[in-house]
């Protein structure tokens, strides 16, 4: 049997439940970029740190790479002297339309939080 995508209603319900859980903790329902930032901070594991714009972009990159490891796009290769994780691209990430890209990232986020 082929691995089929989840039905849209189930997907939307799961996404809404995750946002509800995060809003209960954070006080507000986060936007997608804020969820990615939370994942990046979790994966960096350095605790609360002040970040400049470049570091925030790198934090989002860490989140995306971490989310795409289970799909075979990246592998973790280690941490640098500052403790930041680094990844190796294993295969190109397919170009998707914006709506497909959001769905793919949200699906990966749901899988990430279910595994945690």
PDB file of N, CA and C in Angstrom:
ATOM      1  N   UNK A   1       0.847  -1.184   0.000  1.00  0.00           N
ATOM      2  CA  UNK A   1       0.000   0.000   0.000  1.00  0.00           C
ATOM      3  C   UNK A   1       0.885   1.237   0.000  1.00  0.00           C
ATOM      4  N   UNK A   2       0.598   2.190  -0.868  1.00  0.00           N
ATOM      5  CA  UNK A   2       1.360   3.430  -0.941  1.00  0.00           C
ATOM      6  C   UNK A   2       1.054   4.322   0.252  1.00  0.00           C
ATOM      7  N   UNK A   3       2.091   5.056   0.657  1.00  0.00           N
ATOM      8  CA  UNK A   3       1.922   6.026   1.735  1.00  0.00           C
ATOM      9  C   UNK A   3       1.173   7.235   1.176  1.00  0.00           C
ATOM     10  N   UNK A   4      -0.075   7.410   1.569  1.00  0.00           N
ATOM     11  CA  UNK A   4      -0.911   8.477   1.031  1.00  0.00           C
ATOM     12  C   UNK A   4      -0.940   9.660   1.994  1.00  0.00           C
ATOM     13  N   UNK A   5      -1.067  10.870   1.435  1.00  0.00           N
ATOM     14  CA  UNK A   5      -1.172  12.034   2.306  1.00  0.00           C
ATOM     15  C   UNK A   5      -2.430  11.968   3.163  1.00  0.00           C
ATOM     16  N   UNK A   6      -2.340  12.614   4.314  1.00  0.00           N
ATOM     17  CA  UNK A   6      -3.491  12.631   5.213  1.00  0.00           C
ATOM     18  C   UNK A   6      -4.611  13.452   4.596  1.00  0.00           C
ATOM     19  N   UNK A   7      -5.843  13.071   4.868  1.00  0.00           N
ATOM     20  CA  UNK A   7      -6.976  13.874   4.377  1.00  0.00           C
ATOM     21  C   UNK A   7      -6.891  15.303   4.906  1.00  0.00           C
ATOM     22  N   UNK A   8      -7.348  16.246   4.106  1.00  0.00           N
ATOM     23  CA  UNK A   8      -7.218  17.666   4.437  1.00  0.00           C
ATOM     24  C   UNK A   8      -7.869  18.027   5.775  1.00  0.00           C
ATOM     25  N   UNK A   9      -9.061  17.503   6.056  1.00  0.00           N
ATOM     26  CA  UNK A   9      -9.729  17.836   7.321  1.00  0.00           C
ATOM     27  C   UNK A   9      -8.934  17.335   8.522  1.00  0.00           C
ATOM     28  N   UNK A  10      -8.398  16.139   8.415  1.00  0.00           N
ATOM     29  CA  UNK A  10      -7.575  15.586   9.496  1.00  0.00           C
ATOM     30  C   UNK A  10      -6.309  16.425   9.679  1.00  0.00           C
ATOM     31  N   UNK A  11      -5.676  16.771   8.562  1.00  0.00           N
ATOM     32  CA  UNK A  11      -4.479  17.600   8.599  1.00  0.00           C
ATOM     33  C   UNK A  11      -4.767  18.944   9.266  1.00  0.00           C
ATOM     34  N   UNK A  12      -5.837  19.614   8.856  1.00  0.00           N
ATOM     35  CA  UNK A  12      -6.192  20.918   9.414  1.00  0.00           C
ATOM     36  C   UNK A  12      -6.521  20.816  10.904  1.00  0.00           C
ATOM     37  N   UNK A  13      -7.188  19.740  11.306  1.00  0.00           N
ATOM     38  CA  UNK A  13      -7.513  19.541  12.719  1.00  0.00           C
ATOM     39  C   UNK A  13      -6.242  19.336  13.537  1.00  0.00           C
ATOM     40  N   UNK A  14      -5.314  18.552  13.019  1.00  0.00           N
ATOM     41  CA  UNK A  14      -4.045  18.319  13.717  1.00  0.00           C
ATOM     42  C   UNK A  14      -3.238  19.612  13.824  1.00  0.00           C
ATOM     43  N   UNK A  15      -3.214  20.402  12.739  1.00  0.00           N
ATOM     44  CA  UNK A  15      -2.476  21.666  12.756  1.00  0.00           C
ATOM     45  C   UNK A  15      -3.110  22.630  13.767  1.00  0.00           C
ATOM     46  N   UNK A  16      -4.427  22.715  13.774  1.00  0.00           N
ATOM     47  CA  UNK A  16      -5.115  23.588  14.727  1.00  0.00           C
ATOM     48  C   UNK A  16      -4.847  23.148  16.167  1.00  0.00           C
ATOM     49  N   UNK A  17      -4.821  21.841  16.410  1.00  0.00           N
ATOM     50  CA  UNK A  17      -4.542  21.327  17.754  1.00  0.00           C
ATOM     51  C   UNK A  17      -3.121  21.687  18.193  1.00  0.00           C
ATOM     52  N   UNK A  18      -2.168  21.589  17.270  1.00  0.00           N
ATOM     53  CA  UNK A  18      -0.792  21.963  17.602  1.00  0.00           C
ATOM     54  C   UNK A  18      -0.709  23.448  17.924  1.00  0.00           C
ATOM     55  N   UNK A  19      -1.330  24.277  17.111  1.00  0.00           N
ATOM     56  CA  UNK A  19      -1.314  25.721  17.379  1.00  0.00           C
ATOM     57  C   UNK A  19      -1.991  26.047  18.708  1.00  0.00           C
ATOM     58  N   UNK A  20      -3.044  25.330  19.046  1.00  0.00           N
ATOM     59  CA  UNK A  20      -3.726  25.530  20.331  1.00  0.00           C
ATOM     60  C   UNK A  20      -2.783  25.184  21.477  1.00  0.00           C
ATOM     61  N   UNK A  21      -2.086  24.066  21.360  1.00  0.00           N
ATOM     62  CA  UNK A  21      -1.135  23.657  22.393  1.00  0.00           C
ATOM     63  C   UNK A  21      -0.039  24.706  22.551  1.00  0.00           C
ATOM     64  N   UNK A  22       0.506  25.163  21.420  1.00  0.00           N
ATOM     65  CA  UNK A  22       1.560  26.173  21.482  1.00  0.00           C
ATOM     66  C   UNK A  22       1.040  27.492  22.033  1.00  0.00           C
ATOM     67  N   UNK A  23      -0.188  27.858  21.678  1.00  0.00           N
ATOM     68  CA  UNK A  23      -0.734  29.117  22.194  1.00  0.00           C
ATOM     69  C   UNK A  23      -0.998  29.030  23.694  1.00  0.00           C
ATOM     70  N   UNK A  24      -1.339  27.837  24.191  1.00  0.00           N
ATOM     71  CA  UNK A  24      -1.522  27.662  25.631  1.00  0.00           C
ATOM     72  C   UNK A  24      -0.212  27.911  26.377  1.00  0.00           C
ATOM     73  N   UNK A  25       0.903  27.538  25.749  1.00  0.00           N
ATOM     74  CA  UNK A  25       2.220  27.717  26.365  1.00  0.00           C
ATOM     75  C   UNK A  25       2.733  29.144  26.164  1.00  0.00           C
ATOM     76  N   UNK A  26       2.550  29.670  24.955  1.00  0.00           N
ATOM     77  CA  UNK A  26       3.132  30.968  24.597  1.00  0.00           C
ATOM     78  C   UNK A  26       2.221  32.157  24.862  1.00  0.00           C
ATOM     79  N   UNK A  27       0.929  31.903  24.963  1.00  0.00           N
ATOM     80  CA  UNK A  27      -0.011  32.981  25.166  1.00  0.00           C
ATOM     81  C   UNK A  27      -0.707  33.428  23.895  1.00  0.00           C
ATOM     82  N   UNK A  28      -0.091  33.224  22.755  1.00  0.00           N
ATOM     83  CA  UNK A  28      -0.675  33.580  21.460  1.00  0.00           C
ATOM     84  C   UNK A  28      -0.436  32.424  20.496  1.00  0.00           C
ATOM     85  N   UNK A  29      -1.312  32.294  19.513  1.00  0.00           N
ATOM     86  CA  UNK A  29      -1.107  31.287  18.472  1.00  0.00           C
ATOM     87  C   UNK A  29       0.020  31.773  17.560  1.00  0.00           C
ATOM     88  N   UNK A  30       1.086  31.002  17.430  1.00  0.00           N
ATOM     89  CA  UNK A  30       2.215  31.454  16.625  1.00  0.00           C
ATOM     90  C   UNK A  30       1.969  31.288  15.122  1.00  0.00           C
ATOM     91  N   UNK A  31       2.597  32.146  14.340  1.00  0.00           N
ATOM     92  CA  UNK A  31       2.612  32.017  12.890  1.00  0.00           C
ATOM     93  C   UNK A  31       3.621  30.914  12.538  1.00  0.00           C
ATOM     94  N   UNK A  32       3.600  30.482  11.293  1.00  0.00           N
ATOM     95  CA  UNK A  32       4.487  29.409  10.841  1.00  0.00           C
ATOM     96  C   UNK A  32       5.948  29.726  11.121  1.00  0.00           C
ATOM     97  N   UNK A  33       6.383  30.938  10.829  1.00  0.00           N
ATOM     98  CA  UNK A  33       7.783  31.300  11.058  1.00  0.00           C
ATOM     99  C   UNK A  33       8.149  31.210  12.541  1.00  0.00           C
ATOM    100  N   UNK A  34       7.238  31.576  13.422  1.00  0.00           N
ATOM    101  CA  UNK A  34       7.501  31.476  14.860  1.00  0.00           C
ATOM    102  C   UNK A  34       7.626  30.015  15.293  1.00  0.00           C
ATOM    103  N   UNK A  35       6.822  29.138  14.718  1.00  0.00           N
ATOM    104  CA  UNK A  35       6.928  27.706  15.024  1.00  0.00           C
ATOM    105  C   UNK A  35       8.288  27.195  14.560  1.00  0.00           C
ATOM    106  N   UNK A  36       8.708  27.616  13.374  1.00  0.00           N
ATOM    107  CA  UNK A  36      10.029  27.218  12.871  1.00  0.00           C
ATOM    108  C   UNK A  36      11.138  27.741  13.791  1.00  0.00           C
ATOM    109  N   UNK A  37      10.974  28.955  14.280  1.00  0.00           N
ATOM    110  CA  UNK A  37      11.970  29.518  15.190  1.00  0.00           C
ATOM    111  C   UNK A  37      12.043  28.707  16.481  1.00  0.00           C
ATOM    112  N   UNK A  38      10.895  28.298  17.003  1.00  0.00           N
ATOM    113  CA  UNK A  38      10.882  27.455  18.205  1.00  0.00           C
ATOM    114  C   UNK A  38      11.622  26.144  17.970  1.00  0.00           C
ATOM    115  N   UNK A  39      11.391  25.534  16.824  1.00  0.00           N
ATOM    116  CA  UNK A  39      12.069  24.275  16.495  1.00  0.00           C
ATOM    117  C   UNK A  39      13.567  24.521  16.366  1.00  0.00           C
ATOM    118  N   UNK A  40      13.939  25.588  15.683  1.00  0.00           N
ATOM    119  CA  UNK A  40      15.357  25.913  15.541  1.00  0.00           C
ATOM    120  C   UNK A  40      16.029  26.106  16.890  1.00  0.00           C
ATOM    121  N   UNK A  41      15.376  26.856  17.769  1.00  0.00           N
ATOM    122  CA  UNK A  41      15.938  27.071  19.113  1.00  0.00           C
ATOM    123  C   UNK A  41      16.064  25.751  19.876  1.00  0.00           C
ATOM    124  N   UNK A  42      15.067  24.896  19.735  1.00  0.00           N
ATOM    125  CA  UNK A  42      15.109  23.585  20.386  1.00  0.00           C
ATOM    126  C   UNK A  42      16.298  22.772  19.869  1.00  0.00           C
ATOM    127  N   UNK A  43      16.499  22.793  18.561  1.00  0.00           N
ATOM    128  CA  UNK A  43      17.574  22.013  17.960  1.00  0.00           C
ATOM    129  C   UNK A  43      18.949  22.603  18.253  1.00  0.00           C
ATOM    130  N   UNK A  44      19.034  23.924  18.359  1.00  0.00           N
ATOM    131  CA  UNK A  44      20.312  24.548  18.699  1.00  0.00           C
ATOM    132  C   UNK A  44      20.669  24.192  20.135  1.00  0.00           C
ATOM    133  N   UNK A  45      19.660  24.220  21.020  1.00  0.00           N
ATOM    134  CA  UNK A  45      19.851  23.764  22.394  1.00  0.00           C
ATOM    135  C   UNK A  45      20.769  24.614  23.238  1.00  0.00           C
ATOM    136  N   UNK A  46      20.869  25.880  22.939  1.00  0.00           N
ATOM    137  CA  UNK A  46      21.760  26.743  23.708  1.00  0.00           C
ATOM    138  C   UNK A  46      21.047  27.534  24.786  1.00  0.00           C
ATOM    139  N   UNK A  47      19.765  27.328  24.939  1.00  0.00           N
ATOM    140  CA  UNK A  47      19.009  28.098  25.912  1.00  0.00           C
ATOM    141  C   UNK A  47      18.721  29.478  25.358  1.00  0.00           C
ATOM    142  N   UNK A  48      18.204  30.361  26.201  1.00  0.00           N
ATOM    143  CA  UNK A  48      17.863  31.696  25.712  1.00  0.00           C
ATOM    144  C   UNK A  48      19.129  32.473  25.324  1.00  0.00           C
ATOM    145  N   UNK A  49      19.196  32.877  24.077  1.00  0.00           N
ATOM    146  CA  UNK A  49      20.322  33.681  23.617  1.00  0.00           C
ATOM    147  C   UNK A  49      19.778  34.843  22.799  1.00  0.00           C
ATOM    148  N   UNK A  50      20.502  35.936  22.818  1.00  0.00           N
ATOM    149  CA  UNK A  50      20.141  37.088  21.993  1.00  0.00           C
ATOM    150  C   UNK A  50      20.718  36.831  20.603  1.00  0.00           C
ATOM    151  N   UNK A  51      19.869  37.001  19.578  1.00  0.00           N
ATOM    152  CA  UNK A  51      20.315  36.727  18.218  1.00  0.00           C
ATOM    153  C   UNK A  51      20.179  37.952  17.340  1.00  0.00           C
ATOM    154  N   UNK A  52      21.158  38.110  16.450  1.00  0.00           N
ATOM    155  CA  UNK A  52      21.042  39.145  15.432  1.00  0.00           C
ATOM    156  C   UNK A  52      20.246  38.573  14.253  1.00  0.00           C
ATOM    157  N   UNK A  53      20.016  39.400  13.249  1.00  0.00           N
ATOM    158  CA  UNK A  53      19.196  38.976  12.113  1.00  0.00           C
ATOM    159  C   UNK A  53      19.790  37.754  11.412  1.00  0.00           C
ATOM    160  N   UNK A  54      21.099  37.738  11.218  1.00  0.00           N
ATOM    161  CA  UNK A  54      21.764  36.608  10.563  1.00  0.00           C
ATOM    162  C   UNK A  54      21.579  35.323  11.376  1.00  0.00           C
ATOM    163  N   UNK A  55      21.726  35.407  12.681  1.00  0.00           N
ATOM    164  CA  UNK A  55      21.548  34.226  13.536  1.00  0.00           C
ATOM    165  C   UNK A  55      20.102  33.740  13.508  1.00  0.00           C
ATOM    166  N   UNK A  56      19.144  34.657  13.416  1.00  0.00           N
ATOM    167  CA  UNK A  56      17.742  34.254  13.316  1.00  0.00           C
ATOM    168  C   UNK A  56      17.503  33.494  12.015  1.00  0.00           C
ATOM    169  N   UNK A  57      18.103  33.952  10.927  1.00  0.00           N
ATOM    170  CA  UNK A  57      17.980  33.256   9.650  1.00  0.00           C
ATOM    171  C   UNK A  57      18.621  31.870   9.739  1.00  0.00           C
ATOM    172  N   UNK A  58      19.759  31.781  10.405  1.00  0.00           N
ATOM    173  CA  UNK A  58      20.434  30.496  10.586  1.00  0.00           C
ATOM    174  C   UNK A  58      19.603  29.570  11.473  1.00  0.00           C
ATOM    175  N   UNK A  59      18.913  30.142  12.454  1.00  0.00           N
ATOM    176  CA  UNK A  59      18.032  29.357  13.327  1.00  0.00           C
ATOM    177  C   UNK A  59      16.890  28.746  12.513  1.00  0.00           C
ATOM    178  N   UNK A  60      16.318  29.533  11.602  1.00  0.00           N
ATOM    179  CA  UNK A  60      15.268  29.012  10.723  1.00  0.00           C
ATOM    180  C   UNK A  60      15.829  27.915   9.822  1.00  0.00           C
ATOM    181  N   UNK A  61      17.058  28.089   9.352  1.00  0.00           N
ATOM    182  CA  UNK A  61      17.708  27.066   8.522  1.00  0.00           C
ATOM    183  C   UNK A  61      17.894  25.769   9.315  1.00  0.00           C
ATOM    184  N   UNK A  62      18.309  25.899  10.565  1.00  0.00           N
ATOM    185  CA  UNK A  62      18.464  24.725  11.432  1.00  0.00           C
ATOM    186  C   UNK A  62      17.126  24.002  11.561  1.00  0.00           C
ATOM    187  N   UNK A  63      16.060  24.752  11.734  1.00  0.00           N
ATOM    188  CA  UNK A  63      14.729  24.147  11.854  1.00  0.00           C
ATOM    189  C   UNK A  63      14.364  23.378  10.589  1.00  0.00           C
ATOM    190  N   UNK A  64      14.532  24.014   9.433  1.00  0.00           N
ATOM    191  CA  UNK A  64      14.171  23.368   8.171  1.00  0.00           C
ATOM    192  C   UNK A  64      15.004  22.111   7.963  1.00  0.00           C
ATOM    193  N   UNK A  65      16.305  22.206   8.165  1.00  0.00           N
ATOM    194  CA  UNK A  65      17.165  21.027   7.998  1.00  0.00           C
ATOM    195  C   UNK A  65      16.735  19.909   8.947  1.00  0.00           C
ATOM    196  N   UNK A  66      16.470  20.247  10.197  1.00  0.00           N
ATOM    197  CA  UNK A  66      16.058  19.243  11.187  1.00  0.00           C
ATOM    198  C   UNK A  66      14.742  18.586  10.785  1.00  0.00           C
ATOM    199  N   UNK A  67      13.815  19.388  10.278  1.00  0.00           N
ATOM    200  CA  UNK A  67      12.519  18.848   9.853  1.00  0.00           C
ATOM    201  C   UNK A  67      12.649  17.924   8.649  1.00  0.00           C
ATOM    202  N   UNK A  68      13.623  18.175   7.793  1.00  0.00           N
ATOM    203  CA  UNK A  68      13.756  17.400   6.558  1.00  0.00           C
ATOM    204  C   UNK A  68      14.672  16.188   6.677  1.00  0.00           C
ATOM    205  N   UNK A  69      15.318  16.002   7.826  1.00  0.00           N
ATOM    206  CA  UNK A  69      16.143  14.806   8.032  1.00  0.00           C
ATOM    207  C   UNK A  69      15.336  13.520   7.839  1.00  0.00           C
ATOM    208  N   UNK A  70      14.159  13.384   8.469  1.00  0.00           N
ATOM    209  CA  UNK A  70      13.409  12.129   8.306  1.00  0.00           C
ATOM    210  C   UNK A  70      12.986  11.835   6.861  1.00  0.00           C
ATOM    211  N   UNK A  71      12.976  12.850   6.022  1.00  0.00           N
ATOM    212  CA  UNK A  71      12.584  12.677   4.621  1.00  0.00           C
ATOM    213  C   UNK A  71      13.787  12.396   3.714  1.00  0.00           C
ATOM    214  N   UNK A  72      14.982  12.329   4.323  1.00  0.00           N
ATOM    215  CA  UNK A  72      16.179  11.989   3.573  1.00  0.00           C
ATOM    216  C   UNK A  72      16.831  13.130   2.813  1.00  0.00           C
ATOM    217  N   UNK A  73      16.456  14.371   3.116  1.00  0.00           N
ATOM    218  CA  UNK A  73      17.044  15.500   2.410  1.00  0.00           C
ATOM    219  C   UNK A  73      18.326  16.000   3.062  1.00  0.00           C
ATOM    220  N   UNK A  74      18.423  15.875   4.375  1.00  0.00           N
ATOM    221  CA  UNK A  74      19.594  16.336   5.108  1.00  0.00           C
ATOM    222  C   UNK A  74      20.040  15.267   6.098  1.00  0.00           C
ATOM    223  N   UNK A  75      21.318  15.369   6.486  1.00  0.00           N
ATOM    224  CA  UNK A  75      21.801  14.579   7.616  1.00  0.00           C
ATOM    225  C   UNK A  75      22.568  15.523   8.538  1.00  0.00           C
ATOM    226  N   UNK A  76      22.523  15.223   9.804  1.00  0.00           N
ATOM    227  CA  UNK A  76      23.232  16.007  10.812  1.00  0.00           C
ATOM    228  C   UNK A  76      24.698  15.615  10.745  1.00  0.00           C
ATOM    229  N   UNK A  77      25.600  16.607  10.674  1.00  0.00           N
ATOM    230  CA  UNK A  77      27.030  16.277  10.592  1.00  0.00           C
ATOM    231  C   UNK A  77      27.817  16.694  11.835  1.00  0.00           C
ATOM    232  N   UNK A  78      27.231  17.486  12.702  1.00  0.00           N
ATOM    233  CA  UNK A  78      27.925  17.864  13.926  1.00  0.00           C
ATOM    234  C   UNK A  78      27.651  19.308  14.311  1.00  0.00           C
ATOM    235  N   UNK A  79      28.329  19.721  15.362  1.00  0.00           N
ATOM    236  CA  UNK A  79      28.165  21.082  15.883  1.00  0.00           C
ATOM    237  C   UNK A  79      29.484  21.836  15.756  1.00  0.00           C
ATOM    238  N   UNK A  80      29.375  23.137  15.556  1.00  0.00           N
ATOM    239  CA  UNK A  80      30.582  23.956  15.481  1.00  0.00           C
ATOM    240  C   UNK A  80      31.037  24.344  16.882  1.00  0.00           C
ATOM    241  N   UNK A  81      32.103  25.133  16.958  1.00  0.00           N
ATOM    242  CA  UNK A  81      32.679  25.508  18.259  1.00  0.00           C
ATOM    243  C   UNK A  81      31.732  26.347  19.105  1.00  0.00           C
ATOM    244  N   UNK A  82      30.717  26.957  18.469  1.00  0.00           N
ATOM    245  CA  UNK A  82      29.717  27.733  19.207  1.00  0.00           C
ATOM    246  C   UNK A  82      28.493  26.908  19.583  1.00  0.00           C
ATOM    247  N   UNK A  83      28.484  25.633  19.206  1.00  0.00           N
ATOM    248  CA  UNK A  83      27.378  24.752  19.552  1.00  0.00           C
ATOM    249  C   UNK A  83      26.257  24.684  18.532  1.00  0.00           C
ATOM    250  N   UNK A  84      26.401  25.385  17.411  1.00  0.00           N
ATOM    251  CA  UNK A  84      25.351  25.377  16.392  1.00  0.00           C
ATOM    252  C   UNK A  84      25.447  24.099  15.561  1.00  0.00           C
ATOM    253  N   UNK A  85      24.299  23.452  15.306  1.00  0.00           N
ATOM    254  CA  UNK A  85      24.303  22.241  14.483  1.00  0.00           C
ATOM    255  C   UNK A  85      24.519  22.568  13.002  1.00  0.00           C
ATOM    256  N   UNK A  86      25.147  21.609  12.317  1.00  0.00           N
ATOM    257  CA  UNK A  86      25.367  21.740  10.878  1.00  0.00           C
ATOM    258  C   UNK A  86      24.877  20.480  10.185  1.00  0.00           C
ATOM    259  N   UNK A  87      24.489  20.645   8.939  1.00  0.00           N
ATOM    260  CA  UNK A  87      23.838  19.582   8.186  1.00  0.00           C
ATOM    261  C   UNK A  87      24.468  19.452   6.809  1.00  0.00           C
ATOM    262  N   UNK A  88      24.300  18.274   6.237  1.00  0.00           N
ATOM    263  CA  UNK A  88      24.736  18.023   4.870  1.00  0.00           C
ATOM    264  C   UNK A  88      23.502  17.760   4.021  1.00  0.00           C
ATOM    265  N   UNK A  89      23.439  18.409   2.876  1.00  0.00           N
ATOM    266  CA  UNK A  89      22.350  18.173   1.936  1.00  0.00           C
ATOM    267  C   UNK A  89      22.605  16.843   1.244  1.00  0.00           C
ATOM    268  N   UNK A  90      21.659  15.917   1.334  1.00  0.00           N
ATOM    269  CA  UNK A  90      21.808  14.596   0.730  1.00  0.00           C
ATOM    270  C   UNK A  90      21.195  14.520  -0.661  1.00  0.00           C
ATOM    271  N   UNK A  91      20.106  15.241  -0.839  1.00  0.00           N
ATOM    272  CA  UNK A  91      19.452  15.294  -2.143  1.00  0.00           C
ATOM    273  C   UNK A  91      18.710  16.617  -2.236  1.00  0.00           C
ATOM    274  N   UNK A  92      18.525  17.131  -3.444  1.00  0.00           N
ATOM    275  CA  UNK A  92      17.852  18.419  -3.573  1.00  0.00           C
ATOM    276  C   UNK A  92      16.409  18.358  -3.078  1.00  0.00           C
ATOM    277  N   UNK A  93      16.022  19.394  -2.394  1.00  0.00           N
ATOM    278  CA  UNK A  93      14.637  19.522  -1.951  1.00  0.00           C
ATOM    279  C   UNK A  93      13.825  19.928  -3.186  1.00  0.00           C
ATOM    280  N   UNK A  94      12.736  19.227  -3.470  1.00  0.00           N
ATOM    281  CA  UNK A  94      11.975  19.552  -4.680  1.00  0.00           C
ATOM    282  C   UNK A  94      11.371  20.951  -4.617  1.00  0.00           C
ATOM    283  N   UNK A  95      11.310  21.582  -5.766  1.00  0.00           N
ATOM    284  CA  UNK A  95      10.649  22.880  -5.842  1.00  0.00           C
ATOM    285  C   UNK A  95       9.152  22.642  -5.849  1.00  0.00           C
ATOM    286  N   UNK A  96       8.470  23.323  -4.953  1.00  0.00           N
ATOM    287  CA  UNK A  96       7.026  23.168  -4.815  1.00  0.00           C
ATOM    288  C   UNK A  96       6.360  24.530  -4.927  1.00  0.00           C
ATOM    289  N   UNK A  97       5.111  24.512  -5.321  1.00  0.00           N
ATOM    290  CA  UNK A  97       4.319  25.735  -5.295  1.00  0.00           C
ATOM    291  C   UNK A  97       4.185  26.176  -3.836  1.00  0.00           C
ATOM    292  N   UNK A  98       4.003  27.463  -3.588  1.00  0.00           N
ATOM    293  CA  UNK A  98       3.923  27.939  -2.203  1.00  0.00           C
ATOM    294  C   UNK A  98       2.934  27.165  -1.320  1.00  0.00           C
ATOM    295  N   UNK A  99       1.767  26.868  -1.820  1.00  0.00           N
ATOM    296  CA  UNK A  99       0.780  26.131  -1.013  1.00  0.00           C
ATOM    297  C   UNK A  99       1.281  24.722  -0.695  1.00  0.00           C
ATOM    298  N   UNK A 100       1.904  24.069  -1.658  1.00  0.00           N
ATOM    299  CA  UNK A 100       2.456  22.726  -1.427  1.00  0.00           C
ATOM    300  C   UNK A 100       3.618  22.785  -0.443  1.00  0.00           C
ATOM    301  N   UNK A 101       4.433  23.829  -0.568  1.00  0.00           N
ATOM    302  CA  UNK A 101       5.570  23.990   0.335  1.00  0.00           C
ATOM    303  C   UNK A 101       5.090  24.172   1.777  1.00  0.00           C
ATOM    304  N   UNK A 102       4.069  25.012   1.982  1.00  0.00           N
ATOM    305  CA  UNK A 102       3.519  25.208   3.327  1.00  0.00           C
ATOM    306  C   UNK A 102       2.960  23.896   3.882  1.00  0.00           C
ATOM    307  N   UNK A 103       2.246  23.172   3.052  1.00  0.00           N
ATOM    308  CA  UNK A 103       1.671  21.899   3.497  1.00  0.00           C
ATOM    309  C   UNK A 103       2.780  20.920   3.890  1.00  0.00           C
ATOM    310  N   UNK A 104       3.830  20.840   3.067  1.00  0.00           N
ATOM    311  CA  UNK A 104       4.940  19.934   3.340  1.00  0.00           C
ATOM    312  C   UNK A 104       5.634  20.294   4.653  1.00  0.00           C
ATOM    313  N   UNK A 105       5.908  21.582   4.848  1.00  0.00           N
ATOM    314  CA  UNK A 105       6.574  22.014   6.086  1.00  0.00           C
ATOM    315  C   UNK A 105       5.672  21.784   7.293  1.00  0.00           C
ATOM    316  N   UNK A 106       4.388  22.099   7.167  1.00  0.00           N
ATOM    317  CA  UNK A 106       3.465  21.863   8.282  1.00  0.00           C
ATOM    318  C   UNK A 106       3.361  20.378   8.604  1.00  0.00           C
ATOM    319  N   UNK A 107       3.362  19.519   7.591  1.00  0.00           N
ATOM    320  CA  UNK A 107       3.337  18.072   7.811  1.00  0.00           C
ATOM    321  C   UNK A 107       4.593  17.639   8.568  1.00  0.00           C
ATOM    322  N   UNK A 108       5.740  18.177   8.168  1.00  0.00           N
ATOM    323  CA  UNK A 108       7.000  17.851   8.848  1.00  0.00           C
ATOM    324  C   UNK A 108       6.989  18.372  10.287  1.00  0.00           C
ATOM    325  N   UNK A 109       6.402  19.543  10.511  1.00  0.00           N
ATOM    326  CA  UNK A 109       6.296  20.099  11.872  1.00  0.00           C
ATOM    327  C   UNK A 109       5.416  19.200  12.737  1.00  0.00           C
ATOM    328  N   UNK A 110       4.293  18.775  12.200  1.00  0.00           N
ATOM    329  CA  UNK A 110       3.413  17.872  12.962  1.00  0.00           C
ATOM    330  C   UNK A 110       4.146  16.591  13.330  1.00  0.00           C
ATOM    331  N   UNK A 111       4.893  16.030  12.388  1.00  0.00           N
ATOM    332  CA  UNK A 111       5.656  14.807  12.670  1.00  0.00           C
ATOM    333  C   UNK A 111       6.717  15.071  13.731  1.00  0.00           C
ATOM    334  N   UNK A 112       7.359  16.229  13.676  1.00  0.00           N
ATOM    335  CA  UNK A 112       8.382  16.597  14.653  1.00  0.00           C
ATOM    336  C   UNK A 112       7.802  16.643  16.058  1.00  0.00           C
ATOM    337  N   UNK A 113       6.668  17.311  16.210  1.00  0.00           N
ATOM    338  CA  UNK A 113       6.074  17.425  17.548  1.00  0.00           C
ATOM    339  C   UNK A 113       5.472  16.105  18.018  1.00  0.00           C
ATOM    340  N   UNK A 114       5.015  15.271  17.117  1.00  0.00           N
ATOM    341  CA  UNK A 114       4.490  13.958  17.513  1.00  0.00           C
ATOM    342  C   UNK A 114       5.623  13.056  17.992  1.00  0.00           C
ATOM    343  N   UNK A 115       6.824  13.245  17.417  1.00  0.00           N
ATOM    344  CA  UNK A 115       7.971  12.436  17.813  1.00  0.00           C
ATOM    345  C   UNK A 115       8.555  12.910  19.148  1.00  0.00           C
ATOM    346  N   UNK A 116       8.339  14.173  19.487  1.00  0.00           N
ATOM    347  CA  UNK A 116       8.892  14.731  20.732  1.00  0.00           C
ATOM    348  C   UNK A 116       8.183  14.220  21.950  1.00  0.00           C
TER     349      UNK A 116
END
